Amino acid sequence: MAQSNVNQLKEIIVVGAGVVGLTTALRIQAQGAYHVTIVAETFPTDPKSIRYTSHWAGAHHVSHAYDDQRQRKIDQDTFNVLWKLSEPGSAAEGCFLRHTQTEYHGDDLANAEWLQYMPDFKYLESHELRDPAKMGFSFSTITMNTPVYLNWLLSRFLANNGTIVRASLQHISQLLERGATPYTGAQLDSGVDALVICAGLGARALGGVEDKDVYPIRGQTVLLRAPWINFGRTMTEADGTYTYTMPRSNGDVLCGGTRVPNDWYFYRLILSSNTQLFLRYPLPRPEITQDILARALKLTPGLAPPQTRLDREPTIEDLRPIIVEPGCGLRPGRKGGIRIEVEWFDAPTRGKVPVVYNYGHSGYGFLSSWGSADMAVDLLEGALKAGAPVEAIPGSGVDRPSDNPGN
C-alpha cells in the first residue's frame, strides 16, 4: 500500500476483529488511499472464549446459498480467493488443507446446482451413499485452520501499516467524534472519514446500530487429533440434524455439530444479596459432546486410531484419548441474511460520515468473508466519492436498494 504521505490518507475505522472484520480491513487497505484502524474488544491473539466466535469455526468452504443469487456470488468470490491462497508455495498455504468433501443428504434436497462451480464436482452413485442419505455429491474444497488463518490475516493487516485498538464500545458515536484518538492517547486528533461495522453478534447491542434482527445460533464441536484423516464429510438428515468431520492441515479434525437459534444460555452469578450478573454460558455441554462423538464416528469410522480399527469395532470411548478440546460459540445469525449497506451519521468534526455495515454472516463468515468484504468496500468507496446525499438523515439508512438483503 502506498503511504508516501500518511496525512493524505482517509481515516477508516473497522469495528470488529473476527474473520469478517479482518478480511474487510485488508480489502480496504488494498485500495491504497486509506489508513485503517481496527477497533475491537477481542483479537485472534487472545485466549479462546465464547465472546469471539471465529476461533471455534470449522471453516470448510461448502456454500449453502441455494437459490439466493447474492449469496451465491459472495460465496463463489470468496472461494476463488481462498483457493488461490491455498496454492502450494503460497505464503498462506499452511493455513489450509485442500481435500475431497463429500456431502450426504437424507432430506429433500434434489440437487446442488449452486455448487457445480467447485473443482471436481460430481453426484454420487446410489452404491456410494451412506445410510440414511438419499442423494449426495462430492467436490474439492479447502478447510481452514481457523486460529492460524485468523492470525495470518491479522499479521498481514499489521504489516500493511494497519493499527489495532482494544476498546469496549457502547455506541458508534464514540468513534464518530474523534476517531480512535481517545483510545490511543495520541495528541493529534485525526478524526474519522468512515466507519465499517463488522461487529457480528455485537451489532445487536452496539449503540447506533442495535439491530434486533441479529440473534445467536449456538454451535458446539469436538476437536480430535487424527492426522490419518485427509477428507471431509457431512451428513444432513431429514429432521435437520447435521454431522460433519473437517480435517485440518495440522492433523486435527473438527467434528460437529449443532445449530440452536437464540440459545444464549445465560447463567446467574450472585455477586451479593442485591446484585446479580447474567453472563453467556461459556462451556460445552457434556451430553452434546457425547452425541457429537457418536454421530461423527458413525459418519467417519476412520476417526478411530488405525490400530484400534484393526483389532475390533471402534466405539466412542476410543475417541476420547484423541480429544484435543470440545468447544462452543455463538454464530451471528441475522433475519434477512448479511447486512451490507450504508447509512450517514453526523460527526462533530467531519459533518456527515458514512457508516458501512457488513455483519450477520451466521455460520458462514469464513466462506463469505472475501465476497462480502468486496461489496462493503464498493459501498465505502461509492459513499466517499459521492458524498452524503442531500436528503440524508443521520442514521436513517440511506442505502443502495440492490444491496439491501430484504430486496
Protein backbone atom coordinates (compact mmCIF):
# COMPACT_ATOMS: atom_id res chain seq x y z
CA MET A 1 0.00 0.00 0.00
CA ALA A 2 1.45 3.38 -1.00
CA GLN A 3 1.93 5.60 2.04
CA SER A 4 4.20 8.40 0.88
CA ASN A 5 2.14 10.84 2.89
CA VAL A 6 0.06 9.26 5.63
CA ASN A 7 -1.67 12.57 6.32
CA GLN A 8 -3.25 12.43 2.86
CA LEU A 9 -4.88 9.07 3.53
CA LYS A 10 -8.50 8.94 4.57
CA GLU A 11 -9.04 7.53 8.05
CA ILE A 12 -11.22 4.42 8.14
CA ILE A 13 -12.18 2.53 11.31
CA VAL A 14 -13.35 -1.08 11.15
CA VAL A 15 -15.27 -2.26 14.22
CA GLY A 16 -14.68 -5.95 14.90
CA ALA A 17 -11.69 -8.29 14.54
CA GLY A 18 -13.36 -11.57 13.60
CA VAL A 19 -12.77 -13.09 10.19
CA VAL A 20 -15.17 -10.61 8.54
CA GLY A 21 -13.60 -7.55 10.18
CA LEU A 22 -10.03 -8.64 9.41
CA THR A 23 -10.83 -9.51 5.80
CA THR A 24 -12.72 -6.25 5.22
CA ALA A 25 -9.87 -4.24 6.73
CA LEU A 26 -7.41 -5.92 4.37
CA ARG A 27 -9.61 -5.21 1.36
CA ILE A 28 -9.83 -1.53 2.35
CA GLN A 29 -6.04 -1.34 2.77
CA ALA A 30 -5.56 -2.82 -0.69
CA GLN A 31 -7.23 0.22 -2.28
CA GLY A 32 -4.18 2.29 -1.29
CA ALA A 33 -5.98 5.50 -0.29
CA TYR A 34 -6.78 4.76 3.34
CA HIS A 35 -5.25 4.33 6.75
CA VAL A 36 -7.22 1.61 8.53
CA THR A 37 -7.69 1.07 12.24
CA ILE A 38 -9.44 -1.97 13.70
CA VAL A 39 -11.23 -1.33 16.99
CA ALA A 40 -12.33 -4.45 18.84
CA GLU A 41 -12.71 -5.91 22.30
CA THR A 42 -11.18 -9.27 21.34
CA PHE A 43 -8.43 -10.20 18.85
CA PRO A 44 -7.22 -13.53 17.39
CA THR A 45 -4.17 -13.47 19.69
CA ASP A 46 -6.40 -13.62 22.78
CA PRO A 47 -7.24 -16.90 24.56
CA LYS A 48 -10.26 -18.68 23.13
CA SER A 49 -13.58 -17.59 24.57
CA ILE A 50 -17.26 -17.71 23.65
CA ARG A 51 -17.09 -13.94 23.08
CA TYR A 52 -15.06 -14.49 19.91
CA THR A 53 -16.80 -16.95 17.60
CA SER A 54 -14.27 -17.06 14.76
CA HIS A 55 -11.83 -19.20 16.77
CA TRP A 56 -14.36 -22.01 17.06
CA ALA A 57 -15.45 -22.23 13.43
CA GLY A 58 -14.88 -25.39 11.42
CA ALA A 59 -14.37 -23.27 8.34
CA HIS A 60 -14.51 -25.56 5.36
CA HIS A 61 -15.80 -23.95 2.18
CA VAL A 62 -19.18 -25.52 1.49
CA SER A 63 -21.69 -22.95 0.29
CA HIS A 64 -25.33 -23.15 1.42
CA ALA A 65 -26.52 -20.35 -0.87
CA TYR A 66 -29.20 -22.47 -2.58
CA ASP A 67 -31.29 -20.07 -4.74
CA ASP A 68 -30.01 -16.84 -3.12
CA GLN A 69 -28.20 -15.23 -6.05
CA ARG A 70 -26.44 -12.56 -3.99
CA GLN A 71 -25.14 -15.17 -1.56
CA ARG A 72 -24.01 -17.37 -4.44
CA LYS A 73 -21.82 -14.60 -5.77
CA ILE A 74 -20.43 -13.77 -2.31
CA ASP A 75 -19.52 -17.40 -1.66
CA GLN A 76 -18.04 -18.06 -5.09
CA ASP A 77 -15.95 -14.88 -5.00
CA THR A 78 -14.67 -15.91 -1.57
CA PHE A 79 -13.81 -19.42 -2.75
CA ASN A 80 -11.78 -18.04 -5.64
CA VAL A 81 -9.63 -16.04 -3.21
CA LEU A 82 -9.22 -18.89 -0.72
CA TRP A 83 -8.35 -21.41 -3.45
CA LYS A 84 -5.62 -19.03 -4.63
CA LEU A 85 -4.32 -18.52 -1.08
CA SER A 86 -4.15 -22.28 -0.57
CA GLU A 87 -1.96 -22.92 -3.62
CA PRO A 88 1.25 -24.85 -2.96
CA GLY A 89 4.01 -22.34 -2.27
CA SER A 90 1.61 -19.59 -1.24
CA ALA A 91 2.52 -17.56 1.84
CA ALA A 92 -0.76 -18.71 3.40
CA GLU A 93 -0.56 -22.36 2.28
CA GLY A 94 -0.11 -23.65 5.83
CA CYS A 95 -3.48 -22.22 6.87
CA PHE A 96 -5.35 -24.56 4.52
CA LEU A 97 -5.90 -28.18 3.62
CA ARG A 98 -7.14 -28.98 0.14
CA HIS A 99 -9.21 -32.15 0.19
CA THR A 100 -12.23 -34.02 -1.18
CA GLN A 101 -15.51 -33.11 0.52
CA THR A 102 -18.49 -35.49 0.38
CA GLU A 103 -22.00 -34.29 1.22
CA TYR A 104 -24.74 -36.80 2.07
CA HIS A 105 -28.39 -35.75 2.20
CA GLY A 106 -31.26 -37.60 3.80
CA ASP A 107 -33.51 -34.56 3.45
CA ASP A 108 -35.48 -33.48 0.37
CA LEU A 109 -32.64 -31.69 -1.41
CA ALA A 110 -32.98 -32.54 -5.11
CA ASN A 111 -29.69 -31.21 -6.47
CA ALA A 112 -26.70 -28.99 -5.70
CA GLU A 113 -26.77 -26.78 -8.77
CA TRP A 114 -25.34 -23.80 -6.87
CA LEU A 115 -22.16 -25.78 -6.07
CA GLN A 116 -21.30 -27.01 -9.53
CA TYR A 117 -18.52 -24.44 -9.93
CA MET A 118 -16.49 -26.30 -7.28
CA PRO A 119 -13.50 -28.26 -8.63
CA ASP A 120 -14.16 -31.95 -9.39
CA PHE A 121 -17.88 -31.65 -8.60
CA LYS A 122 -19.89 -34.84 -9.19
CA TYR A 123 -23.06 -36.53 -7.93
CA LEU A 124 -22.70 -39.83 -6.10
CA GLU A 125 -23.99 -43.13 -7.42
CA SER A 126 -26.53 -44.93 -5.25
CA HIS A 127 -23.97 -47.51 -4.09
CA GLU A 128 -21.73 -44.68 -2.81
CA LEU A 129 -24.34 -43.32 -0.40
CA ARG A 130 -24.27 -43.86 3.35
CA ASP A 131 -27.43 -44.52 5.34
CA PRO A 132 -29.74 -42.54 5.70
CA ALA A 133 -28.73 -40.47 2.66
CA LYS A 134 -30.95 -40.44 -0.42
CA MET A 135 -28.57 -38.39 -2.56
CA GLY A 136 -25.09 -36.97 -2.34
CA PHE A 137 -22.26 -35.23 -4.15
CA SER A 138 -18.55 -34.55 -3.77
CA PHE A 139 -16.05 -31.92 -4.85
CA SER A 140 -12.65 -30.49 -3.98
CA THR A 141 -12.51 -27.70 -1.42
CA ILE A 142 -10.43 -26.33 1.44
CA THR A 143 -10.64 -26.36 5.21
CA MET A 144 -9.03 -23.56 7.21
CA ASN A 145 -7.12 -23.99 10.45
CA THR A 146 -9.02 -21.07 11.93
CA PRO A 147 -6.68 -19.89 14.74
CA VAL A 148 -3.73 -19.97 12.32
CA TYR A 149 -5.63 -18.30 9.48
CA LEU A 150 -7.02 -15.53 11.72
CA ASN A 151 -3.55 -14.68 12.98
CA TRP A 152 -2.24 -14.72 9.40
CA LEU A 153 -4.90 -12.17 8.46
CA LEU A 154 -4.03 -10.03 11.48
CA SER A 155 -0.29 -10.16 10.81
CA ARG A 156 -0.84 -9.21 7.18
CA PHE A 157 -3.00 -6.27 8.26
CA LEU A 158 -0.35 -5.04 10.70
CA ALA A 159 2.42 -5.48 8.12
CA ASN A 160 0.46 -3.14 5.83
CA ASN A 161 0.69 -0.37 8.48
CA GLY A 162 -2.69 -1.12 9.96
CA THR A 163 -3.45 -0.08 13.54
CA ILE A 164 -5.32 -2.09 16.17
CA VAL A 165 -7.04 -0.64 19.24
CA ARG A 166 -8.58 -2.68 22.03
CA ALA A 167 -11.74 -1.00 23.29
CA SER A 168 -15.20 -1.90 24.51
CA LEU A 169 -17.61 0.33 22.62
CA GLN A 170 -21.07 1.22 23.84
CA HIS A 171 -22.01 3.48 20.90
CA ILE A 172 -20.53 4.25 17.49
CA SER A 173 -20.65 7.97 18.38
CA GLN A 174 -17.56 7.29 20.50
CA LEU A 175 -15.67 6.86 17.22
CA LEU A 176 -17.54 9.41 15.13
CA GLU A 177 -16.49 12.29 17.38
CA ARG A 178 -12.71 11.88 17.42
CA GLY A 179 -11.95 8.58 15.75
CA ALA A 180 -9.73 6.21 17.72
CA THR A 181 -7.75 9.03 19.33
CA PRO A 182 -9.32 8.71 22.82
CA TYR A 183 -8.19 5.08 22.95
CA THR A 184 -4.65 5.54 21.63
CA GLY A 185 -3.57 8.55 23.68
CA ALA A 186 -2.40 10.29 20.51
CA GLN A 187 -2.15 14.06 20.71
CA LEU A 188 -3.13 14.57 17.08
CA ASP A 189 -6.88 14.30 16.58
CA SER A 190 -7.20 12.55 13.21
CA GLY A 191 -10.97 12.17 13.22
CA VAL A 192 -12.61 9.57 11.01
CA ASP A 193 -13.77 9.62 7.39
CA ALA A 194 -15.87 6.44 7.58
CA LEU A 195 -16.79 3.57 9.88
CA VAL A 196 -17.24 -0.03 8.79
CA ILE A 197 -19.23 -2.14 11.24
CA CYS A 198 -18.23 -5.82 11.29
CA ALA A 199 -19.38 -6.43 14.84
CA GLY A 200 -21.02 -9.82 14.35
CA LEU A 201 -23.33 -10.66 17.23
CA GLY A 202 -22.29 -7.39 18.88
CA ALA A 203 -24.35 -5.49 16.29
CA ARG A 204 -27.44 -6.41 18.31
CA ALA A 205 -26.42 -4.28 21.30
CA LEU A 206 -23.96 -1.74 19.86
CA GLY A 207 -25.42 1.75 20.25
CA GLY A 208 -26.21 3.44 16.95
CA VAL A 209 -26.73 0.03 15.32
CA GLU A 210 -28.86 -2.03 17.72
CA ASP A 211 -30.03 -4.43 15.04
CA LYS A 212 -32.66 -6.63 16.66
CA ASP A 213 -32.68 -8.89 13.61
CA VAL A 214 -29.34 -10.22 14.89
CA TYR A 215 -29.57 -13.31 17.10
CA PRO A 216 -27.22 -16.04 18.37
CA ILE A 217 -27.03 -19.54 16.91
CA ARG A 218 -25.16 -21.66 19.40
CA GLY A 219 -22.85 -24.31 17.98
CA GLN A 220 -20.80 -27.00 19.70
CA THR A 221 -17.87 -29.01 18.32
CA VAL A 222 -15.19 -31.50 19.34
CA LEU A 223 -11.61 -31.21 18.05
CA LEU A 224 -9.79 -34.54 17.63
CA ARG A 225 -6.18 -35.37 16.83
CA ALA A 226 -6.50 -37.67 13.80
CA PRO A 227 -3.80 -36.92 11.19
CA TRP A 228 -4.76 -40.07 9.25
CA ILE A 229 -7.98 -38.35 8.09
CA ASN A 230 -7.49 -36.23 4.95
CA PHE A 231 -11.06 -35.95 3.63
CA GLY A 232 -14.24 -34.20 4.78
CA ARG A 233 -17.78 -35.50 5.18
CA THR A 234 -21.16 -34.01 6.09
CA MET A 235 -24.47 -35.80 6.67
CA THR A 236 -27.73 -33.82 6.70
CA GLU A 237 -30.69 -35.86 7.95
CA ALA A 238 -34.40 -35.44 7.31
CA ASP A 239 -35.02 -33.84 10.72
CA GLY A 240 -32.30 -31.21 10.13
CA THR A 241 -29.62 -32.93 12.23
CA TYR A 242 -26.27 -32.45 10.57
CA THR A 243 -22.93 -34.06 11.32
CA TYR A 244 -19.54 -33.18 9.91
CA THR A 245 -15.88 -34.14 10.13
CA MET A 246 -13.48 -31.45 8.88
CA PRO A 247 -9.75 -32.22 8.56
CA ARG A 248 -7.15 -29.52 9.07
CA SER A 249 -3.62 -29.04 7.77
CA ASN A 250 -2.07 -29.74 11.20
CA GLY A 251 -3.64 -33.20 11.55
CA ASP A 252 -6.62 -32.17 13.70
CA VAL A 253 -10.21 -32.98 12.72
CA LEU A 254 -13.13 -30.82 13.83
CA CYS A 255 -16.34 -32.77 14.50
CA GLY A 256 -19.81 -31.35 14.91
CA GLY A 257 -22.25 -30.04 15.01
CA THR A 258 -25.26 -28.22 16.37
CA ARG A 259 -27.35 -25.21 15.36
CA VAL A 260 -29.54 -23.86 18.16
CA PRO A 261 -31.08 -20.40 17.46
CA ASN A 262 -31.44 -17.94 20.34
CA ASP A 263 -29.58 -20.21 22.76
CA TRP A 264 -27.76 -17.61 24.85
CA TYR A 265 -27.86 -19.88 27.88
CA PHE A 266 -27.11 -17.27 30.47
CA TYR A 267 -26.07 -18.33 33.90
CA ARG A 268 -26.56 -16.25 37.02
CA LEU A 269 -23.64 -15.09 39.12
CA ILE A 270 -24.69 -13.71 42.50
CA LEU A 271 -22.23 -11.00 43.48
CA SER A 272 -24.06 -10.01 46.65
CA SER A 273 -27.51 -10.32 48.14
CA ASN A 274 -28.74 -7.47 45.93
CA THR A 275 -26.55 -7.79 42.84
CA GLN A 276 -26.75 -10.37 40.07
CA LEU A 277 -24.82 -10.62 36.83
CA PHE A 278 -26.02 -12.63 33.84
CA LEU A 279 -23.33 -13.98 31.51
CA ARG A 280 -23.25 -16.16 28.39
CA TYR A 281 -22.86 -19.82 29.31
CA PRO A 282 -19.31 -20.39 28.06
CA LEU A 283 -18.86 -24.17 28.36
CA PRO A 284 -19.57 -27.10 26.04
CA ARG A 285 -22.29 -29.38 27.38
CA PRO A 286 -21.01 -32.92 28.06
CA GLU A 287 -24.14 -34.63 26.76
CA ILE A 288 -23.80 -32.81 23.43
CA THR A 289 -20.12 -33.74 23.21
CA GLN A 290 -21.16 -37.38 23.68
CA ASP A 291 -23.77 -37.09 20.93
CA ILE A 292 -21.33 -35.44 18.51
CA LEU A 293 -18.73 -38.17 19.05
CA ALA A 294 -21.33 -40.88 18.39
CA ARG A 295 -22.59 -39.23 15.19
CA ALA A 296 -19.10 -38.43 13.93
CA LEU A 297 -17.88 -42.00 14.43
CA LYS A 298 -20.89 -43.37 12.56
CA LEU A 299 -20.26 -40.96 9.66
CA THR A 300 -16.48 -41.43 9.61
CA PRO A 301 -15.44 -44.69 11.33
CA GLY A 302 -11.86 -43.95 10.32
CA LEU A 303 -11.67 -41.33 13.09
CA ALA A 304 -10.71 -44.11 15.49
CA PRO A 305 -6.96 -44.84 15.67
CA PRO A 306 -5.84 -47.28 12.92
CA GLN A 307 -4.64 -49.99 15.31
CA THR A 308 -7.96 -49.97 17.15
CA ARG A 309 -9.81 -50.50 13.88
CA LEU A 310 -7.58 -53.46 13.09
CA ASP A 311 -8.26 -55.05 16.46
CA ARG A 312 -12.02 -54.55 16.78
CA GLU A 313 -15.07 -52.42 16.03
CA PRO A 314 -14.32 -48.95 17.45
CA THR A 315 -16.54 -47.15 19.96
CA ILE A 316 -16.72 -43.54 21.07
CA GLU A 317 -14.53 -44.45 24.04
CA ASP A 318 -11.73 -44.96 21.52
CA LEU A 319 -12.08 -41.31 20.51
CA ARG A 320 -11.68 -39.86 23.99
CA PRO A 321 -7.88 -40.23 24.16
CA ILE A 322 -7.53 -38.21 20.95
CA ILE A 323 -9.78 -35.33 22.02
CA VAL A 324 -7.90 -32.02 21.82
CA GLU A 325 -10.78 -29.94 23.15
CA PRO A 326 -14.55 -29.50 22.95
CA GLY A 327 -15.74 -26.03 22.03
CA CYS A 328 -18.80 -23.83 21.66
CA GLY A 329 -19.53 -20.49 20.06
CA LEU A 330 -22.40 -18.19 19.19
CA ARG A 331 -22.76 -17.68 15.45
CA PRO A 332 -24.03 -14.21 14.48
CA GLY A 333 -27.31 -15.03 12.77
CA ARG A 334 -29.48 -12.34 11.19
CA LYS A 335 -33.02 -12.39 9.82
CA GLY A 336 -32.73 -11.41 6.15
CA GLY A 337 -29.11 -12.51 5.82
CA ILE A 338 -25.93 -10.45 5.71
CA ARG A 339 -26.45 -6.73 6.12
CA ILE A 340 -24.36 -4.86 3.54
CA GLU A 341 -25.49 -1.26 3.27
CA VAL A 342 -24.50 2.30 4.23
CA GLU A 343 -26.02 4.95 6.49
CA TRP A 344 -24.94 8.53 7.15
CA PHE A 345 -24.34 9.91 10.64
CA ASP A 346 -23.41 13.36 11.92
CA ALA A 347 -19.83 13.65 13.19
CA PRO A 348 -18.91 16.85 15.11
CA THR A 349 -15.67 17.47 13.19
CA ARG A 350 -16.48 15.91 9.81
CA GLY A 351 -20.09 16.69 9.01
CA LYS A 352 -21.88 13.63 7.72
CA VAL A 353 -19.83 10.41 7.81
CA PRO A 354 -20.76 7.16 6.07
CA VAL A 355 -21.17 4.07 8.22
CA VAL A 356 -20.95 0.86 6.20
CA TYR A 357 -22.40 -2.37 7.61
CA ASN A 358 -21.04 -5.84 6.95
CA TYR A 359 -22.35 -8.31 9.52
CA GLY A 360 -24.89 -11.08 10.05
CA HIS A 361 -22.96 -13.94 8.39
CA SER A 362 -24.43 -16.65 10.62
CA GLY A 363 -22.16 -19.73 10.47
CA TYR A 364 -20.74 -18.75 7.08
CA GLY A 365 -18.31 -15.96 7.95
CA PHE A 366 -15.21 -17.69 6.60
CA LEU A 367 -16.80 -18.91 3.37
CA SER A 368 -18.42 -15.50 2.71
CA SER A 369 -15.67 -13.23 4.02
CA TRP A 370 -13.87 -12.01 0.88
CA GLY A 371 -17.02 -11.66 -1.23
CA SER A 372 -18.90 -9.61 1.36
CA ALA A 373 -15.77 -7.54 2.01
CA ASP A 374 -15.65 -6.63 -1.69
CA MET A 375 -19.27 -5.47 -1.56
CA ALA A 376 -18.64 -3.43 1.58
CA VAL A 377 -15.59 -1.76 0.02
CA ASP A 378 -17.60 -0.89 -3.10
CA LEU A 379 -20.19 0.79 -0.88
CA LEU A 380 -17.49 2.59 1.10
CA GLU A 381 -15.73 3.97 -1.96
CA GLY A 382 -19.00 4.95 -3.60
CA ALA A 383 -20.12 6.83 -0.50
CA LEU A 384 -16.81 8.66 -0.07
CA LYS A 385 -16.74 9.62 -3.73
CA ALA A 386 -20.35 10.82 -3.93
CA GLY A 387 -20.60 12.43 -0.50
CA ALA A 388 -23.70 12.46 1.69
CA PRO A 389 -26.99 12.65 -0.22
CA VAL A 390 -28.74 15.99 0.29
CA GLU A 391 -31.80 14.23 1.68
CA ALA A 392 -29.78 12.02 4.04
CA ILE A 393 -30.96 11.96 7.62
CA PRO A 394 -28.27 10.84 10.06
CA GLY A 395 -28.85 7.22 10.90
CA SER A 396 -31.81 6.92 8.53
CA GLY A 397 -30.45 4.03 6.50
CA VAL A 398 -29.68 5.64 3.13
CA ASP A 399 -28.51 2.70 1.05
CA ARG A 400 -28.48 1.20 -2.41
CA PRO A 401 -31.64 -0.93 -2.67
CA SER A 402 -29.78 -3.64 -4.58
CA ASP A 403 -27.53 -4.17 -1.56
CA ASN A 404 -30.34 -4.46 0.95
CA PRO A 405 -30.82 -8.10 1.99
CA GLY A 406 -34.57 -7.56 2.18
CA ASN A 407 -34.83 -6.76 -1.53
